[in-house]
C-alpha cells in the first residue's frame, strides 16, 4: 500500500482495522452475490483490503479471491483468476486465510465443497506447471493439526466425492500416499464403508471401482487384516471380486486389468474429455462427470 492510502486508512490504527473489516466484508458479499467479474476485480485491486498479521493492510491476492470464489461457487470469477493468474491464484494464501503454510487449501476446498467445475479449472491451470511442481501440488498434504495431513484425494474418499476423486486421479494425484494416521485414500474409503454400510453404499463402491483403475497392483492395504478377519461381512458389502482382490486372494478381474490399460493411455491434458473416446459402451465407462452443464 502506498503512503497516501496508508495515511487515508488511519496509519495502521484502530480506524484502519475497522475500515478493513468493512471493505473486506463488502468484497466477501460481492463474491457471494455473484457480481460480475469486472466489478469484483475492481474491488479486489483498488477498494477491498484486509488486515494481515503484524498490523499490515493488504489488498486481496488472486489466491485469497479464489478461496471466496470456491466457497460461493462463483465459477466465472474462479475461471478468470485461474486463466489470468494461474501461479498466484494457486499460491499459498496469507495466514489470515490458511492455518499453516504447508496446506494446499484451494484443491482441498474444491473437493470439500464439491465444486467439480472449479476443481476442473484448477486442474487445467496446473497442466502447464513443470511436472515436478504439478505432482507436488496435487499431492500436497493439508495441515497436520486440522486436516490430519490428508491430501485432496483423501478428502474425496472421506467425503464420498466420486467426480472429484476421478478428476484428481486422472490428473496424476497419487493414490498411495498416507495421512498422519498411516491411511491411504483406499483405507479411508474402506473405513467409511465399514462404519456406515447403509449410507451411500452404491456411491462408495463407485469410488472404490475408480480407485481400482489407478492403484498399482501389490499396493499396501492397511485394512487387509480386517478384511480377512470379517471376510463374510466384507464380501457381502463389496461383492466377491472386489473383496478377493483387496484381500490378496485373487488378481484383479480381466475387466479391471483391461480398464487400467485403457485409462493408462489417457494423459492428464486429455482428461476427462478422452473418457468419451474409450471403445466401451457408455454404461461401462468409469463415470459420467456431467461437466457440460
C-alpha atoms as a PDB file:
ATOM      1  CA  UNK A   1       0.000   0.000   0.000  1.00  0.00           C
ATOM      2  CA  UNK A   2       1.375   3.465  -0.900  1.00  0.00           C
ATOM      3  CA  UNK A   3       1.875   6.303   1.583  1.00  0.00           C
ATOM      4  CA  UNK A   4      -1.339   8.095   0.533  1.00  0.00           C
ATOM      5  CA  UNK A   5      -3.562   5.065   1.178  1.00  0.00           C
ATOM      6  CA  UNK A   6      -1.717   4.206   4.385  1.00  0.00           C
ATOM      7  CA  UNK A   7      -2.440   7.704   5.757  1.00  0.00           C
ATOM      8  CA  UNK A   8      -6.004   7.647   4.426  1.00  0.00           C
ATOM      9  CA  UNK A   9      -6.648   4.385   6.276  1.00  0.00           C
ATOM     10  CA  UNK A  10      -5.535   5.785   9.607  1.00  0.00           C
ATOM     11  CA  UNK A  11      -1.853   4.898   9.527  1.00  0.00           C
ATOM     12  CA  UNK A  12      -2.475   1.328  10.674  1.00  0.00           C
ATOM     13  CA  UNK A  13      -4.502   2.214  13.792  1.00  0.00           C
ATOM     14  CA  UNK A  14      -7.898   1.118  15.099  1.00  0.00           C
ATOM     15  CA  UNK A  15      -9.838   3.119  12.498  1.00  0.00           C
ATOM     16  CA  UNK A  16      -7.830   1.371   9.781  1.00  0.00           C
ATOM     17  CA  UNK A  17      -8.808  -2.021  11.182  1.00  0.00           C
ATOM     18  CA  UNK A  18     -12.481  -1.037  11.173  1.00  0.00           C
ATOM     19  CA  UNK A  19     -12.251   0.174   7.585  1.00  0.00           C
ATOM     20  CA  UNK A  20     -10.556  -3.088   6.636  1.00  0.00           C
ATOM     21  CA  UNK A  21     -13.359  -5.127   8.147  1.00  0.00           C
ATOM     22  CA  UNK A  22     -15.977  -3.113   6.267  1.00  0.00           C
ATOM     23  CA  UNK A  23     -14.250  -3.333   2.892  1.00  0.00           C
ATOM     24  CA  UNK A  24     -13.339  -6.990   3.432  1.00  0.00           C
ATOM     25  CA  UNK A  25     -16.947  -7.915   4.191  1.00  0.00           C
ATOM     26  CA  UNK A  26     -18.142  -5.890   1.185  1.00  0.00           C
ATOM     27  CA  UNK A  27     -15.839  -7.907  -1.091  1.00  0.00           C
ATOM     28  CA  UNK A  28     -16.989 -11.169   0.506  1.00  0.00           C
ATOM     29  CA  UNK A  29     -20.626 -10.175  -0.082  1.00  0.00           C
ATOM     30  CA  UNK A  30     -19.909  -9.179  -3.672  1.00  0.00           C
ATOM     31  CA  UNK A  31     -18.452 -12.617  -4.457  1.00  0.00           C
ATOM     32  CA  UNK A  32     -21.284 -14.304  -2.572  1.00  0.00           C
ATOM     33  CA  UNK A  33     -23.855 -12.348  -4.587  1.00  0.00           C
ATOM     34  CA  UNK A  34     -22.205 -13.458  -7.858  1.00  0.00           C
ATOM     35  CA  UNK A  35     -21.475  -9.905  -9.027  1.00  0.00           C
ATOM     36  CA  UNK A  36     -19.742  -9.526 -12.429  1.00  0.00           C
ATOM     37  CA  UNK A  37     -16.076 -10.410 -12.708  1.00  0.00           C
ATOM     38  CA  UNK A  38     -15.006  -6.917 -13.820  1.00  0.00           C
ATOM     39  CA  UNK A  39     -16.588  -5.365 -10.731  1.00  0.00           C
ATOM     40  CA  UNK A  40     -15.023  -7.912  -8.399  1.00  0.00           C
ATOM     41  CA  UNK A  41     -11.601  -7.260  -9.898  1.00  0.00           C
ATOM     42  CA  UNK A  42     -12.030  -3.508  -9.494  1.00  0.00           C
ATOM     43  CA  UNK A  43     -12.887  -4.073  -5.838  1.00  0.00           C
ATOM     44  CA  UNK A  44     -10.040  -6.514  -5.276  1.00  0.00           C
ATOM     45  CA  UNK A  45      -7.391  -4.283  -6.803  1.00  0.00           C
ATOM     46  CA  UNK A  46      -8.472  -0.886  -5.520  1.00  0.00           C
ATOM     47  CA  UNK A  47     -11.116  -0.973  -2.796  1.00  0.00           C
ATOM     48  CA  UNK A  48     -11.098  -4.198  -0.772  1.00  0.00           C
ATOM     49  CA  UNK A  49      -8.484  -4.516   1.967  1.00  0.00           C
ATOM     50  CA  UNK A  50      -7.947  -6.959   4.790  1.00  0.00           C
ATOM     51  CA  UNK A  51      -5.887  -6.862   7.955  1.00  0.00           C
ATOM     52  CA  UNK A  52      -2.841  -9.126   7.994  1.00  0.00           C
ATOM     53  CA  UNK A  53      -0.766 -10.427  10.869  1.00  0.00           C
ATOM     54  CA  UNK A  54       1.690  -7.818  12.112  1.00  0.00           C
ATOM     55  CA  UNK A  55      -0.662  -4.879  11.584  1.00  0.00           C
ATOM     56  CA  UNK A  56      -0.396  -4.650   7.806  1.00  0.00           C
ATOM     57  CA  UNK A  57      -3.189  -3.573   5.494  1.00  0.00           C
ATOM     58  CA  UNK A  58      -3.248  -5.572   2.275  1.00  0.00           C
ATOM     59  CA  UNK A  59      -5.327  -5.951  -0.864  1.00  0.00           C
ATOM     60  CA  UNK A  60      -6.680  -9.393  -1.685  1.00  0.00           C
ATOM     61  CA  UNK A  61      -4.337 -11.606  -3.675  1.00  0.00           C
ATOM     62  CA  UNK A  62      -5.688 -13.776  -6.525  1.00  0.00           C
ATOM     63  CA  UNK A  63      -5.170 -16.757  -4.199  1.00  0.00           C
ATOM     64  CA  UNK A  64      -7.375 -15.258  -1.492  1.00  0.00           C
ATOM     65  CA  UNK A  65     -10.012 -14.167  -4.009  1.00  0.00           C
ATOM     66  CA  UNK A  66     -10.107 -17.720  -5.384  1.00  0.00           C
ATOM     67  CA  UNK A  67     -10.925 -19.047  -1.914  1.00  0.00           C
ATOM     68  CA  UNK A  68     -14.014 -16.807  -1.834  1.00  0.00           C
ATOM     69  CA  UNK A  69     -14.959 -17.925  -5.358  1.00  0.00           C
ATOM     70  CA  UNK A  70     -14.724 -21.541  -4.205  1.00  0.00           C
ATOM     71  CA  UNK A  71     -16.842 -21.012  -1.103  1.00  0.00           C
ATOM     72  CA  UNK A  72     -19.603 -19.304  -3.089  1.00  0.00           C
ATOM     73  CA  UNK A  73     -19.223 -21.324  -6.309  1.00  0.00           C
ATOM     74  CA  UNK A  74     -18.599 -18.224  -8.433  1.00  0.00           C
ATOM     75  CA  UNK A  75     -17.422 -20.179 -11.464  1.00  0.00           C
ATOM     76  CA  UNK A  76     -16.813 -17.246 -13.866  1.00  0.00           C
ATOM     77  CA  UNK A  77     -14.645 -15.465 -11.286  1.00  0.00           C
ATOM     78  CA  UNK A  78     -12.694 -18.634 -10.491  1.00  0.00           C
ATOM     79  CA  UNK A  79     -12.138 -19.202 -14.219  1.00  0.00           C
ATOM     80  CA  UNK A  80     -10.922 -15.621 -14.670  1.00  0.00           C
ATOM     81  CA  UNK A  81      -8.462 -15.822 -11.765  1.00  0.00           C
ATOM     82  CA  UNK A  82      -7.062 -19.171 -12.874  1.00  0.00           C
ATOM     83  CA  UNK A  83      -6.768 -18.097 -16.520  1.00  0.00           C
ATOM     84  CA  UNK A  84      -5.059 -14.785 -15.819  1.00  0.00           C
ATOM     85  CA  UNK A  85      -3.048 -15.560 -12.665  1.00  0.00           C
ATOM     86  CA  UNK A  86      -2.505 -19.357 -12.628  1.00  0.00           C
ATOM     87  CA  UNK A  87       0.580 -19.296 -10.415  1.00  0.00           C
ATOM     88  CA  UNK A  88      -0.509 -16.620  -7.941  1.00  0.00           C
ATOM     89  CA  UNK A  89      -4.127 -17.841  -7.815  1.00  0.00           C
ATOM     90  CA  UNK A  90      -2.896 -21.222  -6.560  1.00  0.00           C
ATOM     91  CA  UNK A  91      -0.191 -19.849  -4.274  1.00  0.00           C
ATOM     92  CA  UNK A  92      -0.474 -20.388  -0.530  1.00  0.00           C
ATOM     93  CA  UNK A  93      -2.574 -17.524   0.893  1.00  0.00           C
ATOM     94  CA  UNK A  94      -1.662 -15.435   3.907  1.00  0.00           C
ATOM     95  CA  UNK A  95      -2.066 -16.911   7.387  1.00  0.00           C
ATOM     96  CA  UNK A  96      -5.276 -14.894   7.733  1.00  0.00           C
ATOM     97  CA  UNK A  97      -6.813 -17.348   5.245  1.00  0.00           C
ATOM     98  CA  UNK A  98      -4.873 -20.536   5.940  1.00  0.00           C
ATOM     99  CA  UNK A  99      -3.969 -22.256   9.191  1.00  0.00           C
ATOM    100  CA  UNK A 100      -0.418 -23.056   8.079  1.00  0.00           C
ATOM    101  CA  UNK A 101       1.905 -22.635   5.123  1.00  0.00           C
ATOM    102  CA  UNK A 102       2.060 -26.358   4.394  1.00  0.00           C
ATOM    103  CA  UNK A 103      -1.515 -26.668   3.187  1.00  0.00           C
ATOM    104  CA  UNK A 104      -2.989 -26.638  -0.333  1.00  0.00           C
ATOM    105  CA  UNK A 105      -6.326 -25.057   0.537  1.00  0.00           C
ATOM    106  CA  UNK A 106      -7.748 -24.487  -2.953  1.00  0.00           C
ATOM    107  CA  UNK A 107      -7.607 -28.110  -4.050  1.00  0.00           C
ATOM    108  CA  UNK A 108      -8.911 -29.469  -0.749  1.00  0.00           C
ATOM    109  CA  UNK A 109     -11.618 -26.793  -0.559  1.00  0.00           C
ATOM    110  CA  UNK A 110     -12.826 -27.571  -4.083  1.00  0.00           C
ATOM    111  CA  UNK A 111     -13.262 -31.194  -3.000  1.00  0.00           C
ATOM    112  CA  UNK A 112     -14.741 -30.342   0.399  1.00  0.00           C
ATOM    113  CA  UNK A 113     -17.411 -28.076  -1.141  1.00  0.00           C
ATOM    114  CA  UNK A 114     -17.830 -30.436  -4.121  1.00  0.00           C
ATOM    115  CA  UNK A 115     -17.039 -27.665  -6.626  1.00  0.00           C
ATOM    116  CA  UNK A 116     -16.457 -30.064  -9.514  1.00  0.00           C
ATOM    117  CA  UNK A 117     -16.377 -27.415 -12.254  1.00  0.00           C
ATOM    118  CA  UNK A 118     -13.915 -25.186 -10.390  1.00  0.00           C
ATOM    119  CA  UNK A 119     -11.798 -28.219  -9.499  1.00  0.00           C
ATOM    120  CA  UNK A 120     -11.508 -28.995 -13.201  1.00  0.00           C
ATOM    121  CA  UNK A 121     -10.449 -25.383 -13.875  1.00  0.00           C
ATOM    122  CA  UNK A 122      -7.747 -25.717 -11.192  1.00  0.00           C
ATOM    123  CA  UNK A 123      -6.511 -28.953 -12.728  1.00  0.00           C
ATOM    124  CA  UNK A 124      -6.448 -27.356 -16.183  1.00  0.00           C
ATOM    125  CA  UNK A 125      -4.424 -24.458 -14.778  1.00  0.00           C
ATOM    126  CA  UNK A 126      -1.709 -26.728 -13.380  1.00  0.00           C
ATOM    127  CA  UNK A 127      -1.299 -28.632 -16.659  1.00  0.00           C
ATOM    128  CA  UNK A 128       1.241 -26.008 -17.734  1.00  0.00           C
ATOM    129  CA  UNK A 129       3.224 -26.236 -14.488  1.00  0.00           C
ATOM    130  CA  UNK A 130       6.539 -28.139 -14.592  1.00  0.00           C
ATOM    131  CA  UNK A 131       5.919 -31.846 -13.945  1.00  0.00           C
ATOM    132  CA  UNK A 132       7.560 -31.771 -10.506  1.00  0.00           C
ATOM    133  CA  UNK A 133       5.537 -28.719  -9.425  1.00  0.00           C
ATOM    134  CA  UNK A 134       2.325 -30.295 -10.713  1.00  0.00           C
ATOM    135  CA  UNK A 135       2.918 -33.523  -8.783  1.00  0.00           C
ATOM    136  CA  UNK A 136       3.897 -31.605  -5.659  1.00  0.00           C
ATOM    137  CA  UNK A 137       0.725 -29.515  -5.821  1.00  0.00           C
ATOM    138  CA  UNK A 138      -1.604 -32.470  -6.420  1.00  0.00           C
ATOM    139  CA  UNK A 139      -0.110 -34.486  -3.573  1.00  0.00           C
ATOM    140  CA  UNK A 140       0.449 -31.712  -1.049  1.00  0.00           C
ATOM    141  CA  UNK A 141      -0.849 -32.670   2.361  1.00  0.00           C
ATOM    142  CA  UNK A 142      -3.164 -30.489   4.390  1.00  0.00           C
ATOM    143  CA  UNK A 143      -2.388 -29.113   7.829  1.00  0.00           C
ATOM    144  CA  UNK A 144      -1.383 -31.894  10.230  1.00  0.00           C
ATOM    145  CA  UNK A 145      -3.275 -30.255  13.116  1.00  0.00           C
ATOM    146  CA  UNK A 146      -6.580 -29.528  11.381  1.00  0.00           C
ATOM    147  CA  UNK A 147      -6.708 -31.905   8.408  1.00  0.00           C
ATOM    148  CA  UNK A 148      -4.571 -34.775   9.684  1.00  0.00           C
ATOM    149  CA  UNK A 149      -2.108 -34.464   6.814  1.00  0.00           C
ATOM    150  CA  UNK A 150      -4.687 -35.602   4.268  1.00  0.00           C
ATOM    151  CA  UNK A 151      -4.259 -34.957   0.561  1.00  0.00           C
ATOM    152  CA  UNK A 152      -7.169 -33.784  -1.598  1.00  0.00           C
ATOM    153  CA  UNK A 153      -7.599 -37.422  -2.650  1.00  0.00           C
ATOM    154  CA  UNK A 154      -8.032 -38.447   0.995  1.00  0.00           C
ATOM    155  CA  UNK A 155     -10.707 -35.766   1.375  1.00  0.00           C
ATOM    156  CA  UNK A 156     -12.530 -37.031  -1.734  1.00  0.00           C
ATOM    157  CA  UNK A 157     -12.703 -40.533  -0.226  1.00  0.00           C
ATOM    158  CA  UNK A 158     -13.600 -39.300   3.237  1.00  0.00           C
ATOM    159  CA  UNK A 159     -16.478 -37.144   1.956  1.00  0.00           C
ATOM    160  CA  UNK A 160     -17.504 -39.555  -0.829  1.00  0.00           C
ATOM    161  CA  UNK A 161     -16.929 -37.263  -3.825  1.00  0.00           C
ATOM    162  CA  UNK A 162     -16.765 -39.567  -6.895  1.00  0.00           C
ATOM    163  CA  UNK A 163     -16.380 -36.848  -9.556  1.00  0.00           C
ATOM    164  CA  UNK A 164     -13.631 -35.106  -7.593  1.00  0.00           C
ATOM    165  CA  UNK A 165     -11.848 -38.398  -6.996  1.00  0.00           C
ATOM    166  CA  UNK A 166     -11.776 -39.378 -10.663  1.00  0.00           C
ATOM    167  CA  UNK A 167     -10.636 -35.920 -11.784  1.00  0.00           C
ATOM    168  CA  UNK A 168      -7.768 -35.938  -9.281  1.00  0.00           C
ATOM    169  CA  UNK A 169      -6.689 -39.461 -10.213  1.00  0.00           C
ATOM    170  CA  UNK A 170      -6.896 -38.705 -13.924  1.00  0.00           C
ATOM    171  CA  UNK A 171      -4.620 -35.698 -13.491  1.00  0.00           C
ATOM    172  CA  UNK A 172      -1.972 -37.670 -11.636  1.00  0.00           C
ATOM    173  CA  UNK A 173      -2.787 -37.470  -7.916  1.00  0.00           C
ATOM    174  CA  UNK A 174      -1.146 -40.385  -6.110  1.00  0.00           C
ATOM    175  CA  UNK A 175      -3.493 -42.945  -4.507  1.00  0.00           C
ATOM    176  CA  UNK A 176      -0.631 -44.390  -2.437  1.00  0.00           C
ATOM    177  CA  UNK A 177       0.210 -41.528  -0.053  1.00  0.00           C
ATOM    178  CA  UNK A 178      -0.646 -41.850   3.633  1.00  0.00           C
ATOM    179  CA  UNK A 179      -2.022 -39.286   6.073  1.00  0.00           C
ATOM    180  CA  UNK A 180      -0.830 -38.702   9.644  1.00  0.00           C
ATOM    181  CA  UNK A 181      -2.595 -41.901  10.750  1.00  0.00           C
ATOM    182  CA  UNK A 182      -0.905 -44.008   8.081  1.00  0.00           C
ATOM    183  CA  UNK A 183      -4.049 -44.370   5.959  1.00  0.00           C
ATOM    184  CA  UNK A 184      -4.138 -44.232   2.175  1.00  0.00           C
ATOM    185  CA  UNK A 185      -7.258 -42.899   0.415  1.00  0.00           C
ATOM    186  CA  UNK A 186      -8.281 -46.544  -0.127  1.00  0.00           C
ATOM    187  CA  UNK A 187      -8.025 -47.237   3.613  1.00  0.00           C
ATOM    188  CA  UNK A 188     -10.225 -44.232   4.412  1.00  0.00           C
ATOM    189  CA  UNK A 189     -12.831 -45.335   1.892  1.00  0.00           C
ATOM    190  CA  UNK A 190     -12.939 -48.875   3.290  1.00  0.00           C
ATOM    191  CA  UNK A 191     -13.340 -47.441   6.791  1.00  0.00           C
ATOM    192  CA  UNK A 192     -16.281 -45.381   5.522  1.00  0.00           C
ATOM    193  CA  UNK A 193     -17.900 -48.490   4.041  1.00  0.00           C
ATOM    194  CA  UNK A 194     -17.388 -50.492   7.242  1.00  0.00           C
ATOM    195  CA  UNK A 195     -18.542 -47.824   9.695  1.00  0.00           C
ATOM    196  CA  UNK A 196     -21.700 -46.782   7.822  1.00  0.00           C
ATOM    197  CA  UNK A 197     -22.573 -49.519   5.320  1.00  0.00           C
ATOM    198  CA  UNK A 198     -26.163 -48.348   4.880  1.00  0.00           C
ATOM    199  CA  UNK A 199     -25.145 -44.819   3.862  1.00  0.00           C
ATOM    200  CA  UNK A 200     -24.397 -44.192   0.163  1.00  0.00           C
ATOM    201  CA  UNK A 201     -23.007 -47.691  -0.342  1.00  0.00           C
ATOM    202  CA  UNK A 202     -23.565 -47.576  -4.090  1.00  0.00           C
ATOM    203  CA  UNK A 203     -21.631 -44.303  -4.396  1.00  0.00           C
ATOM    204  CA  UNK A 204     -18.839 -45.602  -2.162  1.00  0.00           C
ATOM    205  CA  UNK A 205     -18.486 -48.677  -4.355  1.00  0.00           C
ATOM    206  CA  UNK A 206     -18.305 -46.351  -7.361  1.00  0.00           C
ATOM    207  CA  UNK A 207     -15.368 -44.578  -5.696  1.00  0.00           C
ATOM    208  CA  UNK A 208     -13.781 -47.935  -4.951  1.00  0.00           C
ATOM    209  CA  UNK A 209     -14.077 -49.010  -8.587  1.00  0.00           C
ATOM    210  CA  UNK A 210     -12.476 -45.723  -9.685  1.00  0.00           C
ATOM    211  CA  UNK A 211      -9.584 -46.255  -7.272  1.00  0.00           C
ATOM    212  CA  UNK A 212      -9.070 -49.774  -8.645  1.00  0.00           C
ATOM    213  CA  UNK A 213      -8.276 -48.244 -12.046  1.00  0.00           C
ATOM    214  CA  UNK A 214      -5.324 -46.267 -10.648  1.00  0.00           C
ATOM    215  CA  UNK A 215      -3.993 -48.162  -7.608  1.00  0.00           C
ATOM    216  CA  UNK A 216      -0.873 -50.141  -8.623  1.00  0.00           C
ATOM    217  CA  UNK A 217      -1.039 -53.894  -8.152  1.00  0.00           C
ATOM    218  CA  UNK A 218       0.600 -55.019  -4.935  1.00  0.00           C
ATOM    219  CA  UNK A 219      -0.094 -51.724  -3.145  1.00  0.00           C
ATOM    220  CA  UNK A 220      -0.236 -51.920   0.643  1.00  0.00           C
ATOM    221  CA  UNK A 221      -3.719 -52.055   2.171  1.00  0.00           C
ATOM    222  CA  UNK A 222      -3.800 -51.375   5.916  1.00  0.00           C
ATOM    223  CA  UNK A 223      -7.304 -52.863   6.101  1.00  0.00           C
ATOM    224  CA  UNK A 224      -6.242 -56.245   4.690  1.00  0.00           C
ATOM    225  CA  UNK A 225      -6.133 -57.973   8.083  1.00  0.00           C
ATOM    226  CA  UNK A 226      -9.628 -56.787   8.959  1.00  0.00           C
ATOM    227  CA  UNK A 227     -10.881 -57.873   5.544  1.00  0.00           C
ATOM    228  CA  UNK A 228      -9.678 -61.411   6.240  1.00  0.00           C
ATOM    229  CA  UNK A 229     -10.978 -61.461   9.828  1.00  0.00           C
ATOM    230  CA  UNK A 230     -14.501 -60.431   8.810  1.00  0.00           C
ATOM    231  CA  UNK A 231     -14.451 -61.977   5.372  1.00  0.00           C
ATOM    232  CA  UNK A 232     -18.147 -62.864   5.127  1.00  0.00           C
ATOM    233  CA  UNK A 233     -19.345 -59.369   6.034  1.00  0.00           C
ATOM    234  CA  UNK A 234     -16.830 -57.719   3.751  1.00  0.00           C
ATOM    235  CA  UNK A 235     -17.736 -59.999   0.874  1.00  0.00           C
ATOM    236  CA  UNK A 236     -21.405 -59.084   1.323  1.00  0.00           C
ATOM    237  CA  UNK A 237     -20.528 -55.377   1.326  1.00  0.00           C
ATOM    238  CA  UNK A 238     -18.039 -55.308  -1.524  1.00  0.00           C
ATOM    239  CA  UNK A 239     -19.001 -58.257  -3.691  1.00  0.00           C
ATOM    240  CA  UNK A 240     -16.736 -61.248  -4.235  1.00  0.00           C
ATOM    241  CA  UNK A 241     -14.376 -59.891  -6.972  1.00  0.00           C
ATOM    242  CA  UNK A 242     -13.601 -56.649  -5.085  1.00  0.00           C
ATOM    243  CA  UNK A 243     -13.125 -58.485  -1.794  1.00  0.00           C
ATOM    244  CA  UNK A 244     -10.805 -61.133  -3.209  1.00  0.00           C
ATOM    245  CA  UNK A 245      -8.563 -58.576  -4.892  1.00  0.00           C
ATOM    246  CA  UNK A 246      -8.328 -56.335  -1.816  1.00  0.00           C
ATOM    247  CA  UNK A 247      -7.663 -59.322   0.449  1.00  0.00           C
ATOM    248  CA  UNK A 248      -4.915 -60.564  -1.861  1.00  0.00           C
ATOM    249  CA  UNK A 249      -6.773 -63.785  -2.656  1.00  0.00           C
ATOM    250  CA  UNK A 250      -7.064 -63.189  -6.406  1.00  0.00           C
ATOM    251  CA  UNK A 251      -5.706 -60.833  -9.077  1.00  0.00           C
ATOM    252  CA  UNK A 252      -7.929 -58.043 -10.409  1.00  0.00           C
ATOM    253  CA  UNK A 253     -10.591 -59.118 -12.869  1.00  0.00           C
ATOM    254  CA  UNK A 254      -9.873 -59.118 -16.583  1.00  0.00           C
ATOM    255  CA  UNK A 255     -12.211 -56.140 -16.956  1.00  0.00           C
ATOM    256  CA  UNK A 256     -10.323 -54.108 -14.329  1.00  0.00           C
ATOM    257  CA  UNK A 257      -6.969 -55.028 -15.871  1.00  0.00           C
ATOM    258  CA  UNK A 258      -8.207 -54.013 -19.319  1.00  0.00           C
ATOM    259  CA  UNK A 259      -9.601 -50.733 -17.993  1.00  0.00           C
ATOM    260  CA  UNK A 260      -6.295 -49.965 -16.277  1.00  0.00           C
ATOM    261  CA  UNK A 261      -4.552 -50.304 -19.641  1.00  0.00           C
ATOM    262  CA  UNK A 262      -7.120 -48.099 -21.390  1.00  0.00           C
ATOM    263  CA  UNK A 263      -7.052 -45.423 -18.678  1.00  0.00           C
ATOM    264  CA  UNK A 264      -3.256 -45.503 -18.770  1.00  0.00           C
ATOM    265  CA  UNK A 265      -3.332 -44.281 -22.374  1.00  0.00           C
ATOM    266  CA  UNK A 266      -5.040 -41.020 -21.343  1.00  0.00           C
ATOM    267  CA  UNK A 267      -2.649 -38.220 -20.412  1.00  0.00           C
ATOM    268  CA  UNK A 268      -3.644 -35.576 -17.831  1.00  0.00           C
ATOM    269  CA  UNK A 269      -4.100 -32.897 -20.510  1.00  0.00           C
ATOM    270  CA  UNK A 270      -6.659 -35.171 -22.231  1.00  0.00           C
ATOM    271  CA  UNK A 271      -8.594 -35.928 -19.060  1.00  0.00           C
ATOM    272  CA  UNK A 272     -11.586 -36.187 -18.675  1.00  0.00           C
ATOM    273  CA  UNK A 273     -12.587 -35.421 -22.280  1.00  0.00           C
ATOM    274  CA  UNK A 274     -10.850 -38.544 -23.614  1.00  0.00           C
ATOM    275  CA  UNK A 275     -13.100 -40.769 -21.488  1.00  0.00           C
ATOM    276  CA  UNK A 276     -15.773 -40.254 -24.142  1.00  0.00           C
ATOM    277  CA  UNK A 277     -13.462 -41.784 -26.743  1.00  0.00           C
ATOM    278  CA  UNK A 278     -12.853 -45.041 -24.886  1.00  0.00           C
ATOM    279  CA  UNK A 279     -14.008 -48.016 -27.007  1.00  0.00           C
ATOM    280  CA  UNK A 280     -16.671 -49.025 -24.493  1.00  0.00           C
ATOM    281  CA  UNK A 281     -20.445 -48.820 -24.152  1.00  0.00           C
ATOM    282  CA  UNK A 282     -21.498 -45.770 -22.147  1.00  0.00           C
ATOM    283  CA  UNK A 283     -22.671 -47.818 -19.146  1.00  0.00           C
ATOM    284  CA  UNK A 284     -19.206 -49.392 -18.765  1.00  0.00           C
ATOM    285  CA  UNK A 285     -17.296 -46.105 -18.715  1.00  0.00           C
ATOM    286  CA  UNK A 286     -15.846 -45.121 -15.328  1.00  0.00           C
ATOM    287  CA  UNK A 287     -18.081 -42.165 -14.523  1.00  0.00           C
ATOM    288  CA  UNK A 288     -20.341 -39.646 -16.192  1.00  0.00           C
ATOM    289  CA  UNK A 289     -18.808 -36.427 -14.905  1.00  0.00           C
ATOM    290  CA  UNK A 290     -21.727 -34.275 -16.093  1.00  0.00           C
ATOM    291  CA  UNK A 291     -19.407 -31.326 -16.720  1.00  0.00           C
ATOM    292  CA  UNK A 292     -21.294 -29.867 -19.654  1.00  0.00           C
ATOM    293  CA  UNK A 293     -23.949 -28.142 -17.556  1.00  0.00           C
END
